[in-house]
PDB file of N, CA and C in Angstrom:
ATOM      1  N   MET A   1     238.153  50.509 -24.974  1.00  0.00           N
ATOM      2  CA  MET A   1     238.533  49.483 -24.141  1.00  0.00           C
ATOM      3  C   MET A   1     238.944  50.106 -22.678  1.00  0.00           C
ATOM      4  N   THR A   2     239.704  51.281 -22.349  1.00  0.00           N
ATOM      5  CA  THR A   2     240.321  51.708 -21.493  1.00  0.00           C
ATOM      6  C   THR A   2     239.588  51.956 -20.657  1.00  0.00           C
ATOM      7  N   GLN A   3     238.191  52.462 -21.449  1.00  0.00           N
ATOM      8  CA  GLN A   3     236.935  53.414 -20.631  1.00  0.00           C
ATOM      9  C   GLN A   3     236.300  52.133 -19.997  1.00  0.00           C
ATOM     10  N   LEU A   4     236.569  51.356 -20.502  1.00  0.00           N
ATOM     11  CA  LEU A   4     235.376  50.290 -19.839  1.00  0.00           C
ATOM     12  C   LEU A   4     236.590  49.403 -18.774  1.00  0.00           C
ATOM     13  N   GLY A   5     237.610  50.099 -18.697  1.00  0.00           N
ATOM     14  CA  GLY A   5     238.417  49.232 -17.305  1.00  0.00           C
ATOM     15  C   GLY A   5     239.364  48.012 -18.059  1.00  0.00           C
ATOM     16  N   ILE A   6     239.406  47.905 -19.337  1.00  0.00           N
ATOM     17  CA  ILE A   6     240.210  46.864 -19.731  1.00  0.00           C
ATOM     18  C   ILE A   6     241.576  47.062 -19.324  1.00  0.00           C
ATOM     19  N   ASN A   7     242.402  46.163 -18.851  1.00  0.00           N
ATOM     20  CA  ASN A   7     243.586  45.981 -18.792  1.00  0.00           C
ATOM     21  C   ASN A   7     244.627  46.694 -19.772  1.00  0.00           C
ATOM     22  N   ALA A   8     245.550  47.680 -19.673  1.00  0.00           N
ATOM     23  CA  ALA A   8     246.015  48.388 -20.600  1.00  0.00           C
ATOM     24  C   ALA A   8     246.842  47.323 -21.796  1.00  0.00           C
ATOM     25  N   LYS A   9     247.813  46.449 -20.587  1.00  0.00           N
ATOM     26  CA  LYS A   9     248.012  45.097 -20.897  1.00  0.00           C
ATOM     27  C   LYS A   9     247.264  44.248 -22.418  1.00  0.00           C
ATOM     28  N   LEU A  10     245.866  44.369 -21.940  1.00  0.00           N
ATOM     29  CA  LEU A  10     245.328  43.232 -22.974  1.00  0.00           C
ATOM     30  C   LEU A  10     244.790  44.228 -24.099  1.00  0.00           C
ATOM     31  N   VAL A  11     244.883  45.580 -24.099  1.00  0.00           N
ATOM     32  CA  VAL A  11     244.549  46.663 -25.119  1.00  0.00           C
ATOM     33  C   VAL A  11     245.839  46.594 -26.130  1.00  0.00           C
ATOM     34  N   ARG A  12     246.783  46.835 -25.316  1.00  0.00           N
ATOM     35  CA  ARG A  12     248.059  47.003 -26.123  1.00  0.00           C
ATOM     36  C   ARG A  12     248.227  45.567 -27.075  1.00  0.00           C
ATOM     37  N   LEU A  13     247.613  44.237 -26.876  1.00  0.00           N
ATOM     38  CA  LEU A  13     247.901  43.117 -27.262  1.00  0.00           C
ATOM     39  C   LEU A  13     246.848  42.646 -28.367  1.00  0.00           C
ATOM     40  N   VAL A  14     245.456  43.483 -28.084  1.00  0.00           N
ATOM     41  CA  VAL A  14     244.590  43.442 -29.239  1.00  0.00           C
ATOM     42  C   VAL A  14     244.951  44.252 -30.257  1.00  0.00           C
ATOM     43  N   LYS A  15     245.684  45.835 -30.148  1.00  0.00           N
ATOM     44  CA  LYS A  15     245.745  46.732 -31.181  1.00  0.00           C
ATOM     45  C   LYS A  15     247.323  45.852 -31.909  1.00  0.00           C
ATOM     46  N   ALA A  16     248.166  44.916 -31.044  1.00  0.00           N
ATOM     47  CA  ALA A  16     249.041  44.529 -32.115  1.00  0.00           C
ATOM     48  C   ALA A  16     248.686  43.202 -33.142  1.00  0.00           C
ATOM     49  N   CYS A  17     247.314  43.039 -32.529  1.00  0.00           N
ATOM     50  CA  CYS A  17     246.618  42.129 -33.530  1.00  0.00           C
ATOM     51  C   CYS A  17     245.840  42.640 -34.889  1.00  0.00           C
ATOM     52  N   VAL A  18     245.904  43.581 -34.404  1.00  0.00           N
ATOM     53  CA  VAL A  18     244.735  44.456 -35.328  1.00  0.00           C
ATOM     54  C   VAL A  18     245.392  45.226 -36.500  1.00  0.00           C
ATOM     55  N   GLN A  19     246.430  46.112 -35.830  1.00  0.00           N
ATOM     56  CA  GLN A  19     247.214  46.817 -36.549  1.00  0.00           C
ATOM     57  C   GLN A  19     248.454  46.225 -36.773  1.00  0.00           C
ATOM     58  N   HIS A  20     248.723  46.933 -38.183  1.00  0.00           N
ATOM     59  CA  HIS A  20     249.809  46.655 -38.960  1.00  0.00           C
ATOM     60  C   HIS A  20     250.166  44.897 -39.349  1.00  0.00           C
ATOM     61  N   SER A  21     248.872  44.202 -39.422  1.00  0.00           N
ATOM     62  CA  SER A  21     248.466  42.970 -39.570  1.00  0.00           C
ATOM     63  C   SER A  21     249.384  42.386 -40.848  1.00  0.00           C
ATOM     64  N   LYS A  22     249.981  41.381 -40.881  1.00  0.00           N
ATOM     65  CA  LYS A  22     250.606  40.785 -42.599  1.00  0.00           C
ATOM     66  C   LYS A  22     250.059  39.332 -42.812  1.00  0.00           C
ATOM     67  N   CYS A  23     249.593  39.094 -44.063  1.00  0.00           N
ATOM     68  CA  CYS A  23     249.032  37.626 -44.476  1.00  0.00           C
ATOM     69  C   CYS A  23     250.232  37.346 -45.512  1.00  0.00           C
ATOM     70  N   THR A  24     250.000  35.865 -45.781  1.00  0.00           N
ATOM     71  CA  THR A  24     250.854  35.472 -46.551  1.00  0.00           C
ATOM     72  C   THR A  24     249.821  34.496 -47.564  1.00  0.00           C
ATOM     73  N   VAL A  25     249.872  34.202 -48.886  1.00  0.00           N
ATOM     74  CA  VAL A  25     249.398  33.764 -50.042  1.00  0.00           C
ATOM     75  C   VAL A  25     250.662  32.954 -50.526  1.00  0.00           C
ATOM     76  N   LYS A  26     249.975  31.780 -50.910  1.00  0.00           N
ATOM     77  CA  LYS A  26     250.842  30.842 -52.060  1.00  0.00           C
ATOM     78  C   LYS A  26     249.922  30.643 -53.160  1.00  0.00           C
ATOM     79  N   PHE A  27     250.812  31.088 -54.230  1.00  0.00           N
ATOM     80  CA  PHE A  27     250.371  30.920 -55.621  1.00  0.00           C
ATOM     81  C   PHE A  27     251.361  30.707 -56.623  1.00  0.00           C
ATOM     82  N   ASN A  28     250.934  29.488 -57.473  1.00  0.00           N
ATOM     83  CA  ASN A  28     251.575  29.103 -57.893  1.00  0.00           C
ATOM     84  C   ASN A  28     252.652  28.608 -57.313  1.00  0.00           C
ATOM     85  N   GLY A  29     252.929  27.985 -56.167  1.00  0.00           N
ATOM     86  CA  GLY A  29     254.337  27.521 -55.544  1.00  0.00           C
ATOM     87  C   GLY A  29     255.033  28.939 -54.922  1.00  0.00           C
ATOM     88  N   GLU A  30     254.743  29.769 -55.203  1.00  0.00           N
ATOM     89  CA  GLU A  30     255.175  30.879 -54.422  1.00  0.00           C
ATOM     90  C   GLU A  30     254.733  31.991 -53.106  1.00  0.00           C
ATOM     91  N   TYR A  31     255.445  32.126 -52.441  1.00  0.00           N
ATOM     92  CA  TYR A  31     254.657  33.095 -51.243  1.00  0.00           C
ATOM     93  C   TYR A  31     254.596  34.435 -51.547  1.00  0.00           C
ATOM     94  N   GLU A  32     253.788  35.103 -51.100  1.00  0.00           N
ATOM     95  CA  GLU A  32     253.873  36.719 -51.379  1.00  0.00           C
ATOM     96  C   GLU A  32     253.072  36.983 -50.176  1.00  0.00           C
ATOM     97  N   GLU A  33     253.862  38.261 -49.290  1.00  0.00           N
ATOM     98  CA  GLU A  33     253.170  38.694 -48.030  1.00  0.00           C
ATOM     99  C   GLU A  33     252.491  40.045 -48.775  1.00  0.00           C
ATOM    100  N   PHE A  34     251.572  40.503 -47.561  1.00  0.00           N
ATOM    101  CA  PHE A  34     250.881  41.487 -48.144  1.00  0.00           C
ATOM    102  C   PHE A  34     250.370  42.305 -46.489  1.00  0.00           C
ATOM    103  N   THR A  35     250.112  43.273 -46.498  1.00  0.00           N
ATOM    104  CA  THR A  35     249.723  44.163 -45.223  1.00  0.00           C
ATOM    105  C   THR A  35     248.005  44.079 -45.333  1.00  0.00           C
ATOM    106  N   VAL A  36     247.246  44.083 -43.875  1.00  0.00           N
ATOM    107  CA  VAL A  36     246.575  43.994 -44.193  1.00  0.00           C
ATOM    108  C   VAL A  36     245.831  45.012 -43.617  1.00  0.00           C
ATOM    109  N   GLU A  37     244.566  46.262 -44.508  1.00  0.00           N
ATOM    110  CA  GLU A  37     244.786  47.528 -44.516  1.00  0.00           C
ATOM    111  C   GLU A  37     243.002  47.873 -44.004  1.00  0.00           C
ATOM    112  N   THR A  38     242.499  46.535 -43.894  1.00  0.00           N
ATOM    113  CA  THR A  38     241.032  47.095 -43.485  1.00  0.00           C
ATOM    114  C   THR A  38     240.573  46.271 -42.543  1.00  0.00           C
ATOM    115  N   GLY A  39     241.236  45.956 -41.586  1.00  0.00           N
ATOM    116  CA  GLY A  39     240.777  45.686 -40.025  1.00  0.00           C
ATOM    117  C   GLY A  39     241.099  43.919 -40.187  1.00  0.00           C
ATOM    118  N   LEU A  40     239.868  43.499 -39.424  1.00  0.00           N
ATOM    119  CA  LEU A  40     239.975  42.022 -39.453  1.00  0.00           C
ATOM    120  C   LEU A  40     238.452  41.802 -40.293  1.00  0.00           C
ATOM    121  N   LYS A  41     239.594  40.487 -40.710  1.00  0.00           N
ATOM    122  CA  LYS A  41     238.627  39.460 -41.571  1.00  0.00           C
ATOM    123  C   LYS A  41     237.256  39.023 -41.349  1.00  0.00           C
ATOM    124  N   GLN A  42     236.226  38.913 -42.423  1.00  0.00           N
ATOM    125  CA  GLN A  42     234.896  37.984 -41.618  1.00  0.00           C
ATOM    126  C   GLN A  42     235.337  37.180 -40.846  1.00  0.00           C
ATOM    127  N   GLY A  43     234.647  36.407 -40.120  1.00  0.00           N
ATOM    128  CA  GLY A  43     234.757  35.391 -39.390  1.00  0.00           C
ATOM    129  C   GLY A  43     236.210  35.645 -37.975  1.00  0.00           C
ATOM    130  N   ASP A  44     236.752  36.285 -38.139  1.00  0.00           N
ATOM    131  CA  ASP A  44     237.943  36.295 -37.340  1.00  0.00           C
ATOM    132  C   ASP A  44     237.397  36.360 -36.129  1.00  0.00           C
ATOM    133  N   SER A  45     237.705  35.650 -34.727  1.00  0.00           N
ATOM    134  CA  SER A  45     237.297  35.658 -33.713  1.00  0.00           C
ATOM    135  C   SER A  45     237.178  36.634 -32.430  1.00  0.00           C
ATOM    136  N   LEU A  46     238.427  37.416 -33.266  1.00  0.00           N
ATOM    137  CA  LEU A  46     238.289  38.681 -32.532  1.00  0.00           C
ATOM    138  C   LEU A  46     237.489  39.690 -32.780  1.00  0.00           C
ATOM    139  N   SER A  47     237.054  39.470 -34.042  1.00  0.00           N
ATOM    140  CA  SER A  47     236.043  40.646 -34.450  1.00  0.00           C
ATOM    141  C   SER A  47     234.809  40.897 -33.882  1.00  0.00           C
ATOM    142  N   ASN A  48     233.840  39.795 -33.614  1.00  0.00           N
ATOM    143  CA  ASN A  48     232.395  40.182 -32.476  1.00  0.00           C
ATOM    144  C   ASN A  48     233.061  40.684 -31.202  1.00  0.00           C
ATOM    145  N   ARG A  49     233.919  40.316 -30.681  1.00  0.00           N
ATOM    146  CA  ARG A  49     234.699  40.726 -29.359  1.00  0.00           C
ATOM    147  C   ARG A  49     234.405  42.254 -29.635  1.00  0.00           C
ATOM    148  N   LEU A  50     235.600  42.482 -30.484  1.00  0.00           N
ATOM    149  CA  LEU A  50     235.769  43.832 -30.367  1.00  0.00           C
ATOM    150  C   LEU A  50     234.593  44.681 -30.751  1.00  0.00           C
ATOM    151  N   PHE A  51     233.619  44.329 -31.428  1.00  0.00           N
ATOM    152  CA  PHE A  51     232.597  45.048 -32.050  1.00  0.00           C
ATOM    153  C   PHE A  51     231.165  44.792 -30.980  1.00  0.00           C
ATOM    154  N   ASN A  52     231.130  44.218 -30.395  1.00  0.00           N
ATOM    155  CA  ASN A  52     230.336  44.088 -28.920  1.00  0.00           C
ATOM    156  C   ASN A  52     230.983  45.074 -27.768  1.00  0.00           C
ATOM    157  N   THR A  53     232.705  45.087 -27.474  1.00  0.00           N
ATOM    158  CA  THR A  53     233.188  46.134 -26.688  1.00  0.00           C
ATOM    159  C   THR A  53     232.654  47.591 -27.383  1.00  0.00           C
ATOM    160  N   SER A  54     232.946  47.803 -28.613  1.00  0.00           N
ATOM    161  CA  SER A  54     232.210  49.301 -29.103  1.00  0.00           C
ATOM    162  C   SER A  54     231.323  49.207 -28.751  1.00  0.00           C
ATOM    163  N   LEU A  55     230.074  48.373 -29.021  1.00  0.00           N
ATOM    164  CA  LEU A  55     228.923  48.966 -28.954  1.00  0.00           C
ATOM    165  C   LEU A  55     228.535  48.946 -27.290  1.00  0.00           C
ATOM    166  N   GLU A  56     228.984  48.172 -26.638  1.00  0.00           N
ATOM    167  CA  GLU A  56     229.017  48.594 -25.341  1.00  0.00           C
ATOM    168  C   GLU A  56     229.226  50.099 -24.927  1.00  0.00           C
ATOM    169  N   THR A  57     230.636  50.388 -25.568  1.00  0.00           N
ATOM    170  CA  THR A  57     231.117  51.729 -25.148  1.00  0.00           C
ATOM    171  C   THR A  57     229.781  52.988 -25.710  1.00  0.00           C
ATOM    172  N   VAL A  58     229.511  52.517 -26.550  1.00  0.00           N
ATOM    173  CA  VAL A  58     228.133  53.401 -27.233  1.00  0.00           C
ATOM    174  C   VAL A  58     227.083  53.510 -26.328  1.00  0.00           C
ATOM    175  N   GLY A  59     226.801  52.127 -26.064  1.00  0.00           N
ATOM    176  CA  GLY A  59     225.566  52.386 -24.972  1.00  0.00           C
ATOM    177  C   GLY A  59     225.373  52.793 -23.764  1.00  0.00           C
ATOM    178  N   SER A  60     226.653  52.379 -22.835  1.00  0.00           N
ATOM    179  CA  SER A  60     226.968  52.660 -21.782  1.00  0.00           C
ATOM    180  C   SER A  60     227.438  54.326 -21.304  1.00  0.00           C
ATOM    181  N   GLU A  61     228.521  54.418 -22.242  1.00  0.00           N
ATOM    182  CA  GLU A  61     229.424  55.457 -21.965  1.00  0.00           C
ATOM    183  C   GLU A  61     228.566  56.908 -22.357  1.00  0.00           C
ATOM    184  N   ARG A  62     227.895  56.568 -23.315  1.00  0.00           N
ATOM    185  CA  ARG A  62     227.393  58.190 -24.184  1.00  0.00           C
ATOM    186  C   ARG A  62     226.318  58.488 -23.312  1.00  0.00           C
ATOM    187  N   ASP A  63     225.013  57.841 -23.481  1.00  0.00           N
ATOM    188  CA  ASP A  63     223.651  58.191 -23.210  1.00  0.00           C
ATOM    189  C   ASP A  63     222.792  57.132 -22.867  1.00  0.00           C
ATOM    190  N   THR A  64     222.935  56.616 -21.850  1.00  0.00           N
ATOM    191  CA  THR A  64     222.324  55.306 -21.468  1.00  0.00           C
ATOM    192  C   THR A  64     220.285  55.979 -21.125  1.00  0.00           C
ATOM    193  N   ARG A  65     219.982  56.837 -21.409  1.00  0.00           N
ATOM    194  CA  ARG A  65     218.702  57.154 -21.634  1.00  0.00           C
ATOM    195  C   ARG A  65     218.152  56.426 -22.679  1.00  0.00           C
ATOM    196  N   TRP A  66     219.151  56.379 -23.824  1.00  0.00           N
ATOM    197  CA  TRP A  66     218.237  55.862 -24.985  1.00  0.00           C
ATOM    198  C   TRP A  66     218.712  54.625 -25.442  1.00  0.00           C
ATOM    199  N   PHE A  67     219.717  53.717 -24.676  1.00  0.00           N
ATOM    200  CA  PHE A  67     220.406  52.919 -25.068  1.00  0.00           C
ATOM    201  C   PHE A  67     220.410  52.101 -23.851  1.00  0.00           C
ATOM    202  N   ASN A  68     219.691  50.769 -23.734  1.00  0.00           N
ATOM    203  CA  ASN A  68     219.838  50.067 -22.557  1.00  0.00           C
ATOM    204  C   ASN A  68     219.907  48.601 -22.640  1.00  0.00           C
ATOM    205  N   GLY A  69     220.246  47.982 -23.319  1.00  0.00           N
ATOM    206  CA  GLY A  69     219.810  46.574 -24.119  1.00  0.00           C
ATOM    207  C   GLY A  69     218.348  46.134 -24.350  1.00  0.00           C
ATOM    208  N   LEU A  70     217.971  45.354 -23.722  1.00  0.00           N
ATOM    209  CA  LEU A  70     216.965  44.934 -23.600  1.00  0.00           C
ATOM    210  C   LEU A  70     215.687  45.663 -23.273  1.00  0.00           C
ATOM    211  N   LYS A  71     216.275  46.721 -22.399  1.00  0.00           N
ATOM    212  CA  LYS A  71     214.960  47.094 -21.168  1.00  0.00           C
ATOM    213  C   LYS A  71     214.206  48.487 -22.269  1.00  0.00           C
ATOM    214  N   HIS A  72     212.884  48.273 -21.994  1.00  0.00           N
ATOM    215  CA  HIS A  72     211.894  49.086 -22.655  1.00  0.00           C
ATOM    216  C   HIS A  72     212.560  50.771 -22.387  1.00  0.00           C
ATOM    217  N   MET A  73     212.353  51.722 -23.367  1.00  0.00           N
ATOM    218  CA  MET A  73     213.199  52.931 -23.329  1.00  0.00           C
ATOM    219  C   MET A  73     211.517  53.294 -23.885  1.00  0.00           C
ATOM    220  N   ARG A  74     210.912  54.326 -23.117  1.00  0.00           N
ATOM    221  CA  ARG A  74     209.813  55.452 -23.556  1.00  0.00           C
ATOM    222  C   ARG A  74     210.402  56.946 -23.845  1.00  0.00           C
ATOM    223  N   ARG A  75     209.883  56.961 -25.106  1.00  0.00           N
ATOM    224  CA  ARG A  75     209.945  58.582 -25.424  1.00  0.00           C
ATOM    225  C   ARG A  75     208.445  59.087 -25.574  1.00  0.00           C
ATOM    226  N   THR A  76     207.722  58.471 -25.929  1.00  0.00           N
ATOM    227  CA  THR A  76     206.623  59.134 -25.587  1.00  0.00           C
ATOM    228  C   THR A  76     205.522  57.766 -24.918  1.00  0.00           C
ATOM    229  N   PRO A  77     204.255  57.964 -24.633  1.00  0.00           N
ATOM    230  CA  PRO A  77     203.466  56.848 -23.744  1.00  0.00           C
ATOM    231  C   PRO A  77     203.297  55.960 -25.284  1.00  0.00           C
ATOM    232  N   LYS A  78     203.455  56.168 -26.030  1.00  0.00           N
ATOM    233  CA  LYS A  78     202.894  54.830 -27.736  1.00  0.00           C
ATOM    234  C   LYS A  78     204.229  54.608 -28.154  1.00  0.00           C
ATOM    235  N   THR A  79     205.319  55.315 -27.741  1.00  0.00           N
ATOM    236  CA  THR A  79     206.497  54.881 -28.225  1.00  0.00           C
ATOM    237  C   THR A  79     207.862  53.892 -27.317  1.00  0.00           C
ATOM    238  N   ILE A  80     207.980  52.877 -27.792  1.00  0.00           N
ATOM    239  CA  ILE A  80     208.892  52.035 -26.618  1.00  0.00           C
ATOM    240  C   ILE A  80     209.803  51.826 -27.951  1.00  0.00           C
ATOM    241  N   ARG A  81     210.968  51.712 -27.898  1.00  0.00           N
ATOM    242  CA  ARG A  81     212.187  51.430 -28.239  1.00  0.00           C
ATOM    243  C   ARG A  81     213.601  50.650 -27.308  1.00  0.00           C
ATOM    244  N   SER A  82     213.994  49.522 -28.074  1.00  0.00           N
ATOM    245  CA  SER A  82     215.039  48.786 -27.566  1.00  0.00           C
ATOM    246  C   SER A  82     215.521  48.382 -28.964  1.00  0.00           C
ATOM    247  N   LEU A  83     217.069  47.765 -28.311  1.00  0.00           N
ATOM    248  CA  LEU A  83     218.093  47.140 -28.986  1.00  0.00           C
ATOM    249  C   LEU A  83     219.004  45.989 -28.573  1.00  0.00           C
ATOM    250  N   ALA A  84     218.898  45.203 -29.812  1.00  0.00           N
ATOM    251  CA  ALA A  84     219.423  43.675 -29.103  1.00  0.00           C
ATOM    252  C   ALA A  84     220.583  43.356 -30.212  1.00  0.00           C
ATOM    253  N   SER A  85     221.814  42.984 -29.708  1.00  0.00           N
ATOM    254  CA  SER A  85     222.657  42.774 -30.332  1.00  0.00           C
ATOM    255  C   SER A  85     223.479  41.447 -30.213  1.00  0.00           C
ATOM    256  N   TYR A  86     224.229  40.841 -31.084  1.00  0.00           N
ATOM    257  CA  TYR A  86     224.952  39.295 -31.114  1.00  0.00           C
ATOM    258  C   TYR A  86     225.865  39.229 -32.261  1.00  0.00           C
ATOM    259  N   ALA A  87     227.325  39.216 -32.023  1.00  0.00           N
ATOM    260  CA  ALA A  87     228.226  39.073 -32.754  1.00  0.00           C
ATOM    261  C   ALA A  87     228.051  40.378 -33.281  1.00  0.00           C
ATOM    262  N   ASP A  88     228.113  40.398 -34.748  1.00  0.00           N
ATOM    263  CA  ASP A  88     227.895  41.810 -35.278  1.00  0.00           C
ATOM    264  C   ASP A  88     226.646  42.044 -35.920  1.00  0.00           C
ATOM    265  N   ASP A  89     225.994  41.629 -35.318  1.00  0.00           N
ATOM    266  CA  ASP A  89     224.598  41.966 -36.085  1.00  0.00           C
ATOM    267  C   ASP A  89     223.802  42.719 -34.808  1.00  0.00           C
ATOM    268  N   ILE A  90     222.785  43.812 -35.102  1.00  0.00           N
ATOM    269  CA  ILE A  90     222.158  45.125 -34.181  1.00  0.00           C
ATOM    270  C   ILE A  90     220.712  44.789 -35.014  1.00  0.00           C
ATOM    271  N   ILE A  91     219.744  44.424 -33.799  1.00  0.00           N
ATOM    272  CA  ILE A  91     218.155  44.495 -34.122  1.00  0.00           C
ATOM    273  C   ILE A  91     217.796  45.682 -33.349  1.00  0.00           C
ATOM    274  N   THR A  92     216.889  46.883 -34.024  1.00  0.00           N
ATOM    275  CA  THR A  92     216.436  47.595 -33.205  1.00  0.00           C
ATOM    276  C   THR A  92     214.782  47.274 -33.294  1.00  0.00           C
ATOM    277  N   ILE A  93     214.531  47.356 -32.089  1.00  0.00           N
ATOM    278  CA  ILE A  93     212.460  46.798 -31.947  1.00  0.00           C
ATOM    279  C   ILE A  93     211.686  47.851 -31.606  1.00  0.00           C
ATOM    280  N   GLY A  94     210.877  48.373 -31.976  1.00  0.00           N
ATOM    281  CA  GLY A  94     209.805  49.259 -31.766  1.00  0.00           C
ATOM    282  C   GLY A  94     208.675  48.638 -31.528  1.00  0.00           C
ATOM    283  N   LYS A  95     207.833  49.598 -31.038  1.00  0.00           N
ATOM    284  CA  LYS A  95     206.504  49.668 -31.098  1.00  0.00           C
ATOM    285  C   LYS A  95     206.003  50.641 -32.567  1.00  0.00           C
ATOM    286  N   THR A  96     206.711  51.551 -32.917  1.00  0.00           N
ATOM    287  CA  THR A  96     206.484  52.390 -33.915  1.00  0.00           C
ATOM    288  C   THR A  96     207.689  52.675 -34.988  1.00  0.00           C
ATOM    289  N   GLU A  97     207.145  53.040 -36.026  1.00  0.00           N
ATOM    290  CA  GLU A  97     208.443  52.762 -36.669  1.00  0.00           C
ATOM    291  C   GLU A  97     209.268  54.075 -36.462  1.00  0.00           C
ATOM    292  N   GLU A  98     208.592  55.116 -35.896  1.00  0.00           N
ATOM    293  CA  GLU A  98     209.462  56.199 -35.694  1.00  0.00           C
ATOM    294  C   GLU A  98     210.283  55.862 -34.387  1.00  0.00           C
ATOM    295  N   GLY A  99     210.035  54.737 -33.742  1.00  0.00           N
ATOM    296  CA  GLY A  99     211.167  54.841 -32.490  1.00  0.00           C
ATOM    297  C   GLY A  99     212.316  53.935 -33.312  1.00  0.00           C
ATOM    298  N   VAL A 100     212.022  53.138 -34.055  1.00  0.00           N
ATOM    299  CA  VAL A 100     213.041  51.977 -34.746  1.00  0.00           C
ATOM    300  C   VAL A 100     213.827  52.724 -35.220  1.00  0.00           C
ATOM    301  N   ILE A 101     213.484  54.023 -35.984  1.00  0.00           N
ATOM    302  CA  ILE A 101     214.505  55.021 -36.982  1.00  0.00           C
ATOM    303  C   ILE A 101     215.153  56.166 -35.884  1.00  0.00           C
ATOM    304  N   TRP A 102     214.488  56.240 -34.811  1.00  0.00           N
ATOM    305  CA  TRP A 102     215.259  57.662 -34.061  1.00  0.00           C
ATOM    306  C   TRP A 102     216.237  56.796 -33.239  1.00  0.00           C
ATOM    307  N   THR A 103     215.973  55.545 -32.652  1.00  0.00           N
ATOM    308  CA  THR A 103     216.982  54.161 -32.284  1.00  0.00           C
ATOM    309  C   THR A 103     218.541  54.260 -33.247  1.00  0.00           C
ATOM    310  N   ALA A 104     217.749  53.744 -34.657  1.00  0.00           N
ATOM    311  CA  ALA A 104     218.818  53.344 -35.514  1.00  0.00           C
ATOM    312  C   ALA A 104     219.745  54.633 -35.812  1.00  0.00           C
ATOM    313  N   GLU A 105     218.934  55.576 -35.944  1.00  0.00           N
ATOM    314  CA  GLU A 105     219.899  56.996 -36.514  1.00  0.00           C
ATOM    315  C   GLU A 105     220.534  57.430 -34.732  1.00  0.00           C
ATOM    316  N   LYS A 106     219.997  57.750 -34.017  1.00  0.00           N
ATOM    317  CA  LYS A 106     221.140  57.528 -32.786  1.00  0.00           C
ATOM    318  C   LYS A 106     222.149  56.739 -32.800  1.00  0.00           C
ATOM    319  N   LEU A 107     222.323  55.810 -32.669  1.00  0.00           N
ATOM    320  CA  LEU A 107     222.841  54.567 -32.720  1.00  0.00           C
ATOM    321  C   LEU A 107     224.274  54.888 -33.419  1.00  0.00           C
ATOM    322  N   ILE A 108     223.778  55.016 -35.038  1.00  0.00           N
ATOM    323  CA  ILE A 108     224.799  55.143 -36.309  1.00  0.00           C
ATOM    324  C   ILE A 108     225.547  56.724 -35.917  1.00  0.00           C
ATOM    325  N   CYS A 109     224.824  57.953 -35.307  1.00  0.00           N
ATOM    326  CA  CYS A 109     225.235  58.670 -34.770  1.00  0.00           C
ATOM    327  C   CYS A 109     226.544  58.609 -33.932  1.00  0.00           C
ATOM    328  N   GLN A 110     226.207  58.112 -32.628  1.00  0.00           N
ATOM    329  CA  GLN A 110     227.351  57.836 -32.080  1.00  0.00           C
ATOM    330  C   GLN A 110     227.867  56.857 -32.266  1.00  0.00           C
ATOM    331  N   GLY A 111     227.807  55.607 -32.689  1.00  0.00           N
ATOM    332  CA  GLY A 111     229.326  55.173 -33.394  1.00  0.00           C
ATOM    333  C   GLY A 111     230.091  55.697 -34.083  1.00  0.00           C
ATOM    334  N   LYS A 112     229.494  56.603 -35.116  1.00  0.00           N
ATOM    335  CA  LYS A 112     230.965  57.499 -35.758  1.00  0.00           C
ATOM    336  C   LYS A 112     231.771  58.021 -35.069  1.00  0.00           C
ATOM    337  N   GLU A 113     231.471  58.595 -34.048  1.00  0.00           N
ATOM    338  CA  GLU A 113     232.546  58.480 -32.940  1.00  0.00           C
ATOM    339  C   GLU A 113     233.221  57.956 -32.033  1.00  0.00           C
ATOM    340  N   ILE A 114     232.985  56.620 -32.302  1.00  0.00           N
ATOM    341  CA  ILE A 114     234.674  55.570 -31.942  1.00  0.00           C
ATOM    342  C   ILE A 114     235.653  55.697 -32.457  1.00  0.00           C
TER     343      ILE A 114
END
């Protein structure tokens, strides 16, 4: 997030929401607290924002030659690759299977660096 120029105070606030989160459940009239260890839960409003922010870091900071939103990227005259994302879903689009696989592999490889 700091690589994208997001204010340090906001970065700290997001970290506070994600790290060391605790939840409480009520079962048989008794409350029990537990620590969340797997990140954000599905459907959390912060989840898709963080996903898209990290995806933007992968795309813009790493190698814009292969990833550039929906712009067509040419590797060979017959291969066109592109990528679309919404919330926490990603779609790779290409004229050839090779192009789609190449884009997906590149995204997975660079996503592991985050």
